[in-house]
Amino acid sequence: MLTKRIIPCLDIKNGRTVKGVNFVDLRDAGDPVELAKQYAQLGADELVFLDISATLEGRKTMHDMVLRVAEQVNIPFTVGGGISSIKDVDDLLHCGADKVSINSSAIKRPELVNELSKKFGSQCIVVAIDAKEIKGEWMVHLAGGTIPTNLNLFEWAKDVEQRGAGEILFTSMNNDGTKSGFANEALAKLSKTVNIPIIASGGAGNIQHFIDTFKAGKADAALAASVFHFGEIKILDLKRELRDQDIAVRL
């Protein structure tokens, strides 16, 4: 049985880890290098590092910080933000990233997913999808959730899977930072739509929310930020509770 993964997310802006609600009202959550080191020691299965303002500011992900984080961790490490070419991915993998996450660049030029998966293998290409439920329809947004598109979440997920994406990181903009639980209905539908792993993101507030997203949402992994950054949930406590609920995790 494949184990479910617990993934802390480091959203980076101006060299600091930040966290907001519904993609706005950001507050400081600490030094990303120190946080990454702690999470690797405290039982995280993977880490996701998102340079959340890189696309908006028209620049590349901060390579120096990626190098420093990679030196501190011994678990898989995914990097996203401002990635739009084979060279960008090549540079980040050489800096120590294990996987890359692309979002806006894939929407603007879907062929990028084909190119990257062919060059580097689908196992290291994660397509991040930020979507918002609007009048009953899940619509994809780009540029850190600031620009709506006419793409439907489920159709876009199927498209990127066919293009070679190895994993989907789905963030519900409605749930993000609210601590009200993951978007399990959408996640369950997504799991029926595609045959690649899905990382649930947006809405974690307590341990029950993780149980629900693995059982009801059929997620393969659950990503969270503030509940880990501010010590509200300890990863080992979470994993023990998941194991007690017959959810397979790595302890």
C-alpha atoms as a PDB file:
ATOM      1  CA  MET A   1       0.000   0.000   0.000  1.00  0.00           C
ATOM      2  CA  LEU A   2       1.323   3.453  -0.902  1.00  0.00           C
ATOM      3  CA  THR A   3       1.760   5.680   2.121  1.00  0.00           C
ATOM      4  CA  LYS A   4       0.043   9.056   2.311  1.00  0.00           C
ATOM      5  CA  ARG A   5       2.436  11.995   2.426  1.00  0.00           C
ATOM      6  CA  ILE A   6       2.498  15.028   4.717  1.00  0.00           C
ATOM      7  CA  ILE A   7       4.072  18.057   3.034  1.00  0.00           C
ATOM      8  CA  PRO A   8       4.814  21.413   4.692  1.00  0.00           C
ATOM      9  CA  CYS A   9       4.744  24.291   2.219  1.00  0.00           C
ATOM     10  CA  LEU A  10       7.143  27.208   2.378  1.00  0.00           C
ATOM     11  CA  ASP A  11       5.617  30.201   0.578  1.00  0.00           C
ATOM     12  CA  ILE A  12       8.494  32.636   0.080  1.00  0.00           C
ATOM     13  CA  LYS A  13       8.322  36.382  -0.438  1.00  0.00           C
ATOM     14  CA  ASN A  14      11.283  38.748  -0.052  1.00  0.00           C
ATOM     15  CA  GLY A  15      13.363  35.908   1.373  1.00  0.00           C
ATOM     16  CA  ARG A  16      10.935  35.075   4.186  1.00  0.00           C
ATOM     17  CA  THR A  17       8.286  32.412   4.688  1.00  0.00           C
ATOM     18  CA  VAL A  18       4.821  33.986   4.613  1.00  0.00           C
ATOM     19  CA  LYS A  19       1.246  32.812   5.025  1.00  0.00           C
ATOM     20  CA  GLY A  20      -2.071  34.486   4.198  1.00  0.00           C
ATOM     21  CA  VAL A  21      -5.798  33.855   3.934  1.00  0.00           C
ATOM     22  CA  ASN A  22      -7.405  33.312   0.506  1.00  0.00           C
ATOM     23  CA  PHE A  23      -4.028  34.266  -1.068  1.00  0.00           C
ATOM     24  CA  VAL A  24      -3.928  37.738   0.591  1.00  0.00           C
ATOM     25  CA  ASP A  25      -3.095  39.363   3.990  1.00  0.00           C
ATOM     26  CA  LEU A  26       0.346  37.761   4.203  1.00  0.00           C
ATOM     27  CA  ARG A  27       2.146  37.542   7.538  1.00  0.00           C
ATOM     28  CA  ASP A  28       5.700  36.488   8.363  1.00  0.00           C
ATOM     29  CA  ALA A  29       6.225  32.850   9.378  1.00  0.00           C
ATOM     30  CA  GLY A  30      10.004  32.656   9.718  1.00  0.00           C
ATOM     31  CA  ASP A  31      13.259  31.868   7.949  1.00  0.00           C
ATOM     32  CA  PRO A  32      12.697  29.298   5.166  1.00  0.00           C
ATOM     33  CA  VAL A  33      16.065  27.594   5.575  1.00  0.00           C
ATOM     34  CA  GLU A  34      15.565  27.046   9.305  1.00  0.00           C
ATOM     35  CA  LEU A  35      11.983  25.878   8.802  1.00  0.00           C
ATOM     36  CA  ALA A  36      13.034  23.434   6.092  1.00  0.00           C
ATOM     37  CA  LYS A  37      15.707  21.974   8.361  1.00  0.00           C
ATOM     38  CA  GLN A  38      13.206  21.549  11.214  1.00  0.00           C
ATOM     39  CA  TYR A  39      10.598  19.880   9.024  1.00  0.00           C
ATOM     40  CA  ALA A  40      13.109  17.384   7.650  1.00  0.00           C
ATOM     41  CA  GLN A  41      14.001  16.460  11.238  1.00  0.00           C
ATOM     42  CA  LEU A  42      10.387  16.354  12.465  1.00  0.00           C
ATOM     43  CA  GLY A  43       9.032  13.750  10.078  1.00  0.00           C
ATOM     44  CA  ALA A  44       7.844  15.608   6.965  1.00  0.00           C
ATOM     45  CA  ASP A  45       7.749  13.353   3.903  1.00  0.00           C
ATOM     46  CA  GLU A  46       8.506  16.109   1.420  1.00  0.00           C
ATOM     47  CA  LEU A  47       8.817  19.883   1.240  1.00  0.00           C
ATOM     48  CA  VAL A  48       7.354  22.338  -1.240  1.00  0.00           C
ATOM     49  CA  PHE A  49       9.067  25.709  -1.709  1.00  0.00           C
ATOM     50  CA  LEU A  50       7.020  28.281  -3.642  1.00  0.00           C
ATOM     51  CA  ASP A  51       8.493  31.651  -4.551  1.00  0.00           C
ATOM     52  CA  ILE A  52       5.001  33.140  -4.662  1.00  0.00           C
ATOM     53  CA  SER A  53       5.861  36.539  -6.124  1.00  0.00           C
ATOM     54  CA  ALA A  54       8.339  35.413  -8.803  1.00  0.00           C
ATOM     55  CA  THR A  55       5.773  35.276 -11.619  1.00  0.00           C
ATOM     56  CA  LEU A  56       4.091  38.528 -10.603  1.00  0.00           C
ATOM     57  CA  GLU A  57       7.465  40.285 -10.399  1.00  0.00           C
ATOM     58  CA  GLY A  58       8.669  38.753 -13.671  1.00  0.00           C
ATOM     59  CA  ARG A  59      11.763  37.121 -12.210  1.00  0.00           C
ATOM     60  CA  LYS A  60      13.210  33.663 -11.605  1.00  0.00           C
ATOM     61  CA  THR A  61      13.163  31.634  -8.391  1.00  0.00           C
ATOM     62  CA  MET A  62      15.920  32.549  -5.916  1.00  0.00           C
ATOM     63  CA  HIS A  63      18.627  29.961  -6.614  1.00  0.00           C
ATOM     64  CA  ASP A  64      20.743  30.860  -3.585  1.00  0.00           C
ATOM     65  CA  MET A  65      17.921  30.044  -1.202  1.00  0.00           C
ATOM     66  CA  VAL A  66      17.142  26.797  -3.030  1.00  0.00           C
ATOM     67  CA  LEU A  67      20.783  25.779  -2.598  1.00  0.00           C
ATOM     68  CA  ARG A  68      20.718  26.611   1.108  1.00  0.00           C
ATOM     69  CA  VAL A  69      17.489  24.709   1.707  1.00  0.00           C
ATOM     70  CA  ALA A  70      18.728  21.672  -0.257  1.00  0.00           C
ATOM     71  CA  GLU A  71      21.826  21.529   1.951  1.00  0.00           C
ATOM     72  CA  GLN A  72      19.626  21.188   5.043  1.00  0.00           C
ATOM     73  CA  VAL A  73      17.150  18.517   3.981  1.00  0.00           C
ATOM     74  CA  ASN A  74      17.288  14.813   3.168  1.00  0.00           C
ATOM     75  CA  ILE A  75      13.709  14.471   1.899  1.00  0.00           C
ATOM     76  CA  PRO A  76      12.252  15.219  -1.559  1.00  0.00           C
ATOM     77  CA  PHE A  77      12.100  18.931  -2.206  1.00  0.00           C
ATOM     78  CA  THR A  78       9.846  20.592  -4.811  1.00  0.00           C
ATOM     79  CA  VAL A  79      10.471  24.151  -6.018  1.00  0.00           C
ATOM     80  CA  GLY A  80       8.063  26.448  -7.857  1.00  0.00           C
ATOM     81  CA  GLY A  81       7.765  30.068  -8.904  1.00  0.00           C
ATOM     82  CA  GLY A  82       8.720  31.788 -12.137  1.00  0.00           C
ATOM     83  CA  ILE A  83       9.682  28.568 -13.948  1.00  0.00           C
ATOM     84  CA  SER A  84       9.085  28.807 -17.696  1.00  0.00           C
ATOM     85  CA  SER A  85      11.819  26.912 -19.555  1.00  0.00           C
ATOM     86  CA  ILE A  86      13.988  23.801 -19.699  1.00  0.00           C
ATOM     87  CA  LYS A  87      16.938  25.911 -18.516  1.00  0.00           C
ATOM     88  CA  ASP A  88      15.009  27.091 -15.443  1.00  0.00           C
ATOM     89  CA  VAL A  89      14.330  23.474 -14.454  1.00  0.00           C
ATOM     90  CA  ASP A  90      17.882  22.380 -15.211  1.00  0.00           C
ATOM     91  CA  ASP A  91      19.243  25.171 -12.988  1.00  0.00           C
ATOM     92  CA  LEU A  92      16.942  24.299 -10.084  1.00  0.00           C
ATOM     93  CA  LEU A  93      17.702  20.581 -10.238  1.00  0.00           C
ATOM     94  CA  HIS A  94      21.399  21.449 -10.163  1.00  0.00           C
ATOM     95  CA  CYS A  95      20.736  23.618  -7.096  1.00  0.00           C
ATOM     96  CA  GLY A  96      19.334  20.568  -5.301  1.00  0.00           C
ATOM     97  CA  ALA A  97      15.618  20.491  -6.078  1.00  0.00           C
ATOM     98  CA  ASP A  98      14.143  17.019  -6.675  1.00  0.00           C
ATOM     99  CA  LYS A  99      10.995  18.206  -8.442  1.00  0.00           C
ATOM    100  CA  VAL A 100       9.677  21.434  -9.910  1.00  0.00           C
ATOM    101  CA  SER A 101       6.192  22.897  -9.765  1.00  0.00           C
ATOM    102  CA  ILE A 102       4.830  24.903 -12.685  1.00  0.00           C
ATOM    103  CA  ASN A 103       1.565  26.810 -12.763  1.00  0.00           C
ATOM    104  CA  SER A 104       1.098  30.048 -14.719  1.00  0.00           C
ATOM    105  CA  SER A 105       3.718  29.138 -17.340  1.00  0.00           C
ATOM    106  CA  ALA A 106       1.883  25.885 -18.129  1.00  0.00           C
ATOM    107  CA  ILE A 107      -1.408  27.737 -18.607  1.00  0.00           C
ATOM    108  CA  LYS A 108       0.207  30.302 -20.892  1.00  0.00           C
ATOM    109  CA  ARG A 109       2.023  27.632 -22.918  1.00  0.00           C
ATOM    110  CA  PRO A 110       0.726  24.094 -22.260  1.00  0.00           C
ATOM    111  CA  GLU A 111       3.427  22.566 -24.492  1.00  0.00           C
ATOM    112  CA  LEU A 112       5.890  23.360 -21.689  1.00  0.00           C
ATOM    113  CA  VAL A 113       4.516  20.383 -19.740  1.00  0.00           C
ATOM    114  CA  ASN A 114       5.275  18.083 -22.693  1.00  0.00           C
ATOM    115  CA  GLU A 115       8.781  19.516 -23.086  1.00  0.00           C
ATOM    116  CA  LEU A 116       9.708  19.263 -19.415  1.00  0.00           C
ATOM    117  CA  SER A 117       8.351  15.758 -18.896  1.00  0.00           C
ATOM    118  CA  LYS A 118      10.158  14.544 -22.018  1.00  0.00           C
ATOM    119  CA  LYS A 119      13.451  16.126 -20.937  1.00  0.00           C
ATOM    120  CA  PHE A 120      13.423  15.383 -17.196  1.00  0.00           C
ATOM    121  CA  GLY A 121      10.822  12.628 -16.737  1.00  0.00           C
ATOM    122  CA  SER A 122       7.272  13.026 -15.487  1.00  0.00           C
ATOM    123  CA  GLN A 123       8.324  12.029 -11.954  1.00  0.00           C
ATOM    124  CA  CYS A 124       9.860  15.448 -11.372  1.00  0.00           C
ATOM    125  CA  ILE A 125       7.147  17.603 -12.995  1.00  0.00           C
ATOM    126  CA  VAL A 126       4.378  18.801 -10.684  1.00  0.00           C
ATOM    127  CA  VAL A 127       1.638  20.974 -12.147  1.00  0.00           C
ATOM    128  CA  ALA A 128       0.174  23.287  -9.517  1.00  0.00           C
ATOM    129  CA  ILE A 129      -3.420  24.349 -10.073  1.00  0.00           C
ATOM    130  CA  ASP A 130      -4.981  27.212  -8.110  1.00  0.00           C
ATOM    131  CA  ALA A 131      -8.740  27.072  -8.578  1.00  0.00           C
ATOM    132  CA  LYS A 132     -11.750  28.865  -7.157  1.00  0.00           C
ATOM    133  CA  GLU A 133     -15.333  27.636  -7.045  1.00  0.00           C
ATOM    134  CA  ILE A 134     -17.495  30.254  -8.750  1.00  0.00           C
ATOM    135  CA  LYS A 135     -21.218  29.581  -9.090  1.00  0.00           C
ATOM    136  CA  GLY A 136     -20.651  25.841  -8.754  1.00  0.00           C
ATOM    137  CA  GLU A 137     -17.768  25.673 -11.254  1.00  0.00           C
ATOM    138  CA  TRP A 138     -14.113  25.269 -10.318  1.00  0.00           C
ATOM    139  CA  MET A 139     -12.190  27.798 -12.398  1.00  0.00           C
ATOM    140  CA  VAL A 140      -8.392  27.927 -12.692  1.00  0.00           C
ATOM    141  CA  HIS A 141      -6.496  31.128 -11.750  1.00  0.00           C
ATOM    142  CA  LEU A 142      -2.920  32.109 -12.542  1.00  0.00           C
ATOM    143  CA  ALA A 143      -0.203  34.481 -11.259  1.00  0.00           C
ATOM    144  CA  GLY A 144      -0.589  33.519  -7.607  1.00  0.00           C
ATOM    145  CA  GLY A 145      -4.365  33.357  -7.878  1.00  0.00           C
ATOM    146  CA  THR A 146      -4.667  36.965  -9.079  1.00  0.00           C
ATOM    147  CA  ILE A 147      -5.878  36.372 -12.644  1.00  0.00           C
ATOM    148  CA  PRO A 148      -8.960  34.262 -13.478  1.00  0.00           C
ATOM    149  CA  THR A 149      -8.983  32.101 -16.608  1.00  0.00           C
ATOM    150  CA  ASN A 150     -11.736  30.272 -18.473  1.00  0.00           C
ATOM    151  CA  LEU A 151     -10.109  26.901 -17.733  1.00  0.00           C
ATOM    152  CA  ASN A 152     -12.095  24.319 -15.806  1.00  0.00           C
ATOM    153  CA  LEU A 153     -10.122  22.579 -13.022  1.00  0.00           C
ATOM    154  CA  PHE A 154     -10.980  19.027 -14.066  1.00  0.00           C
ATOM    155  CA  GLU A 155     -10.470  19.546 -17.792  1.00  0.00           C
ATOM    156  CA  TRP A 156      -7.143  21.274 -17.205  1.00  0.00           C
ATOM    157  CA  ALA A 157      -5.978  18.522 -14.824  1.00  0.00           C
ATOM    158  CA  LYS A 158      -6.762  15.864 -17.438  1.00  0.00           C
ATOM    159  CA  ASP A 159      -4.953  17.885 -20.106  1.00  0.00           C
ATOM    160  CA  VAL A 160      -1.728  18.236 -18.094  1.00  0.00           C
ATOM    161  CA  GLU A 161      -1.811  14.551 -17.165  1.00  0.00           C
ATOM    162  CA  GLN A 162      -1.954  13.649 -20.859  1.00  0.00           C
ATOM    163  CA  ARG A 163       0.927  16.053 -21.507  1.00  0.00           C
ATOM    164  CA  GLY A 164       3.156  14.211 -19.019  1.00  0.00           C
ATOM    165  CA  ALA A 165       2.665  15.798 -15.600  1.00  0.00           C
ATOM    166  CA  GLY A 166       3.616  13.367 -12.858  1.00  0.00           C
ATOM    167  CA  GLU A 167       1.598  14.938 -10.070  1.00  0.00           C
ATOM    168  CA  ILE A 168      -1.006  17.643  -9.455  1.00  0.00           C
ATOM    169  CA  LEU A 169      -0.895  20.116  -6.590  1.00  0.00           C
ATOM    170  CA  PHE A 170      -4.452  21.419  -6.272  1.00  0.00           C
ATOM    171  CA  THR A 171      -5.012  24.453  -4.067  1.00  0.00           C
ATOM    172  CA  SER A 172      -8.572  25.525  -3.361  1.00  0.00           C
ATOM    173  CA  MET A 173      -8.544  29.314  -3.235  1.00  0.00           C
ATOM    174  CA  ASN A 174     -11.872  29.216  -1.384  1.00  0.00           C
ATOM    175  CA  ASN A 175     -10.334  27.170   1.431  1.00  0.00           C
ATOM    176  CA  ASP A 176      -6.799  28.580   1.506  1.00  0.00           C
ATOM    177  CA  GLY A 177      -5.821  29.828   4.975  1.00  0.00           C
ATOM    178  CA  THR A 178      -9.354  29.481   6.353  1.00  0.00           C
ATOM    179  CA  LYS A 179      -8.578  26.372   8.466  1.00  0.00           C
ATOM    180  CA  SER A 180     -12.044  25.078   7.583  1.00  0.00           C
ATOM    181  CA  GLY A 181     -10.863  21.858   5.900  1.00  0.00           C
ATOM    182  CA  PHE A 182      -9.778  20.827   2.409  1.00  0.00           C
ATOM    183  CA  ALA A 183     -12.059  20.942  -0.649  1.00  0.00           C
ATOM    184  CA  ASN A 184     -12.749  17.216  -0.403  1.00  0.00           C
ATOM    185  CA  GLU A 185     -15.638  17.046  -2.859  1.00  0.00           C
ATOM    186  CA  ALA A 186     -13.521  18.601  -5.601  1.00  0.00           C
ATOM    187  CA  LEU A 187     -10.534  16.457  -4.617  1.00  0.00           C
ATOM    188  CA  ALA A 188     -12.572  13.248  -4.835  1.00  0.00           C
ATOM    189  CA  LYS A 189     -13.820  14.247  -8.283  1.00  0.00           C
ATOM    190  CA  LEU A 190     -10.263  15.111  -9.310  1.00  0.00           C
ATOM    191  CA  SER A 191      -9.038  11.678  -8.193  1.00  0.00           C
ATOM    192  CA  LYS A 192     -11.620  10.077 -10.495  1.00  0.00           C
ATOM    193  CA  THR A 193     -10.599  12.370 -13.361  1.00  0.00           C
ATOM    194  CA  VAL A 194      -6.849  11.663 -13.380  1.00  0.00           C
ATOM    195  CA  ASN A 195      -4.616   8.685 -12.637  1.00  0.00           C
ATOM    196  CA  ILE A 196      -1.639  10.566 -11.214  1.00  0.00           C
ATOM    197  CA  PRO A 197      -1.096  11.510  -7.544  1.00  0.00           C
ATOM    198  CA  ILE A 198      -2.944  14.533  -6.184  1.00  0.00           C
ATOM    199  CA  ILE A 199      -1.630  16.782  -3.428  1.00  0.00           C
ATOM    200  CA  ALA A 200      -4.432  18.498  -1.500  1.00  0.00           C
ATOM    201  CA  SER A 201      -3.746  22.098  -0.516  1.00  0.00           C
ATOM    202  CA  GLY A 202      -5.754  24.852   1.138  1.00  0.00           C
ATOM    203  CA  GLY A 203      -7.799  24.692   4.321  1.00  0.00           C
ATOM    204  CA  ALA A 204      -5.938  22.558   6.882  1.00  0.00           C
ATOM    205  CA  GLY A 205      -6.883  23.603  10.409  1.00  0.00           C
ATOM    206  CA  ASN A 206      -6.778  20.457  12.521  1.00  0.00           C
ATOM    207  CA  ILE A 207      -5.869  16.777  12.407  1.00  0.00           C
ATOM    208  CA  GLN A 208      -9.396  15.725  11.450  1.00  0.00           C
ATOM    209  CA  HIS A 209      -9.087  17.745   8.247  1.00  0.00           C
ATOM    210  CA  PHE A 210      -6.144  15.557   7.175  1.00  0.00           C
ATOM    211  CA  ILE A 211      -8.069  12.383   7.999  1.00  0.00           C
ATOM    212  CA  ASP A 212     -11.010  13.661   5.947  1.00  0.00           C
ATOM    213  CA  THR A 213      -8.940  14.597   2.905  1.00  0.00           C
ATOM    214  CA  PHE A 214      -7.302  11.166   2.765  1.00  0.00           C
ATOM    215  CA  LYS A 215     -10.561   9.279   3.327  1.00  0.00           C
ATOM    216  CA  ALA A 216     -13.239  11.447   1.670  1.00  0.00           C
ATOM    217  CA  GLY A 217     -11.045  13.492  -0.668  1.00  0.00           C
ATOM    218  CA  LYS A 218      -8.977  10.497  -1.846  1.00  0.00           C
ATOM    219  CA  ALA A 219      -5.861  12.692  -1.798  1.00  0.00           C
ATOM    220  CA  ASP A 220      -2.442  11.054  -2.097  1.00  0.00           C
ATOM    221  CA  ALA A 221      -0.719  13.777  -0.097  1.00  0.00           C
ATOM    222  CA  ALA A 222      -1.762  16.745   2.026  1.00  0.00           C
ATOM    223  CA  LEU A 223       0.068  20.043   2.022  1.00  0.00           C
ATOM    224  CA  ALA A 224      -0.242  22.694   4.727  1.00  0.00           C
ATOM    225  CA  ALA A 225       1.569  25.780   5.911  1.00  0.00           C
ATOM    226  CA  SER A 226       0.380  27.841   8.878  1.00  0.00           C
ATOM    227  CA  VAL A 227      -0.703  24.917  11.101  1.00  0.00           C
ATOM    228  CA  PHE A 228       2.859  23.628  10.875  1.00  0.00           C
ATOM    229  CA  HIS A 229       4.688  26.984  10.842  1.00  0.00           C
ATOM    230  CA  PHE A 230       2.963  28.237  14.001  1.00  0.00           C
ATOM    231  CA  GLY A 231       3.109  24.929  15.884  1.00  0.00           C
ATOM    232  CA  GLU A 232      -0.626  24.230  15.878  1.00  0.00           C
ATOM    233  CA  ILE A 233      -0.071  20.676  14.593  1.00  0.00           C
ATOM    234  CA  LYS A 234       3.040  18.589  15.192  1.00  0.00           C
ATOM    235  CA  ILE A 235       3.809  16.342  12.223  1.00  0.00           C
ATOM    236  CA  LEU A 236       4.551  13.232  14.295  1.00  0.00           C
ATOM    237  CA  ASP A 237       1.341  13.681  16.306  1.00  0.00           C
ATOM    238  CA  LEU A 238      -0.551  14.017  13.039  1.00  0.00           C
ATOM    239  CA  LYS A 239       1.025  10.886  11.592  1.00  0.00           C
ATOM    240  CA  ARG A 240       0.314   8.824  14.707  1.00  0.00           C
ATOM    241  CA  GLU A 241      -3.331   9.850  14.554  1.00  0.00           C
ATOM    242  CA  LEU A 242      -3.496   9.020  10.858  1.00  0.00           C
ATOM    243  CA  ARG A 243      -2.010   5.587  11.548  1.00  0.00           C
ATOM    244  CA  ASP A 244      -4.592   5.037  14.302  1.00  0.00           C
ATOM    245  CA  GLN A 245      -7.253   5.792  11.665  1.00  0.00           C
ATOM    246  CA  ASP A 246      -5.805   3.036   9.424  1.00  0.00           C
ATOM    247  CA  ILE A 247      -4.270   5.544   7.019  1.00  0.00           C
ATOM    248  CA  ALA A 248      -0.834   4.338   5.892  1.00  0.00           C
ATOM    249  CA  VAL A 249       1.940   6.841   6.669  1.00  0.00           C
ATOM    250  CA  ARG A 250       5.690   6.706   7.090  1.00  0.00           C
ATOM    251  CA  LEU A 251       6.734   7.044  10.738  1.00  0.00           C
END
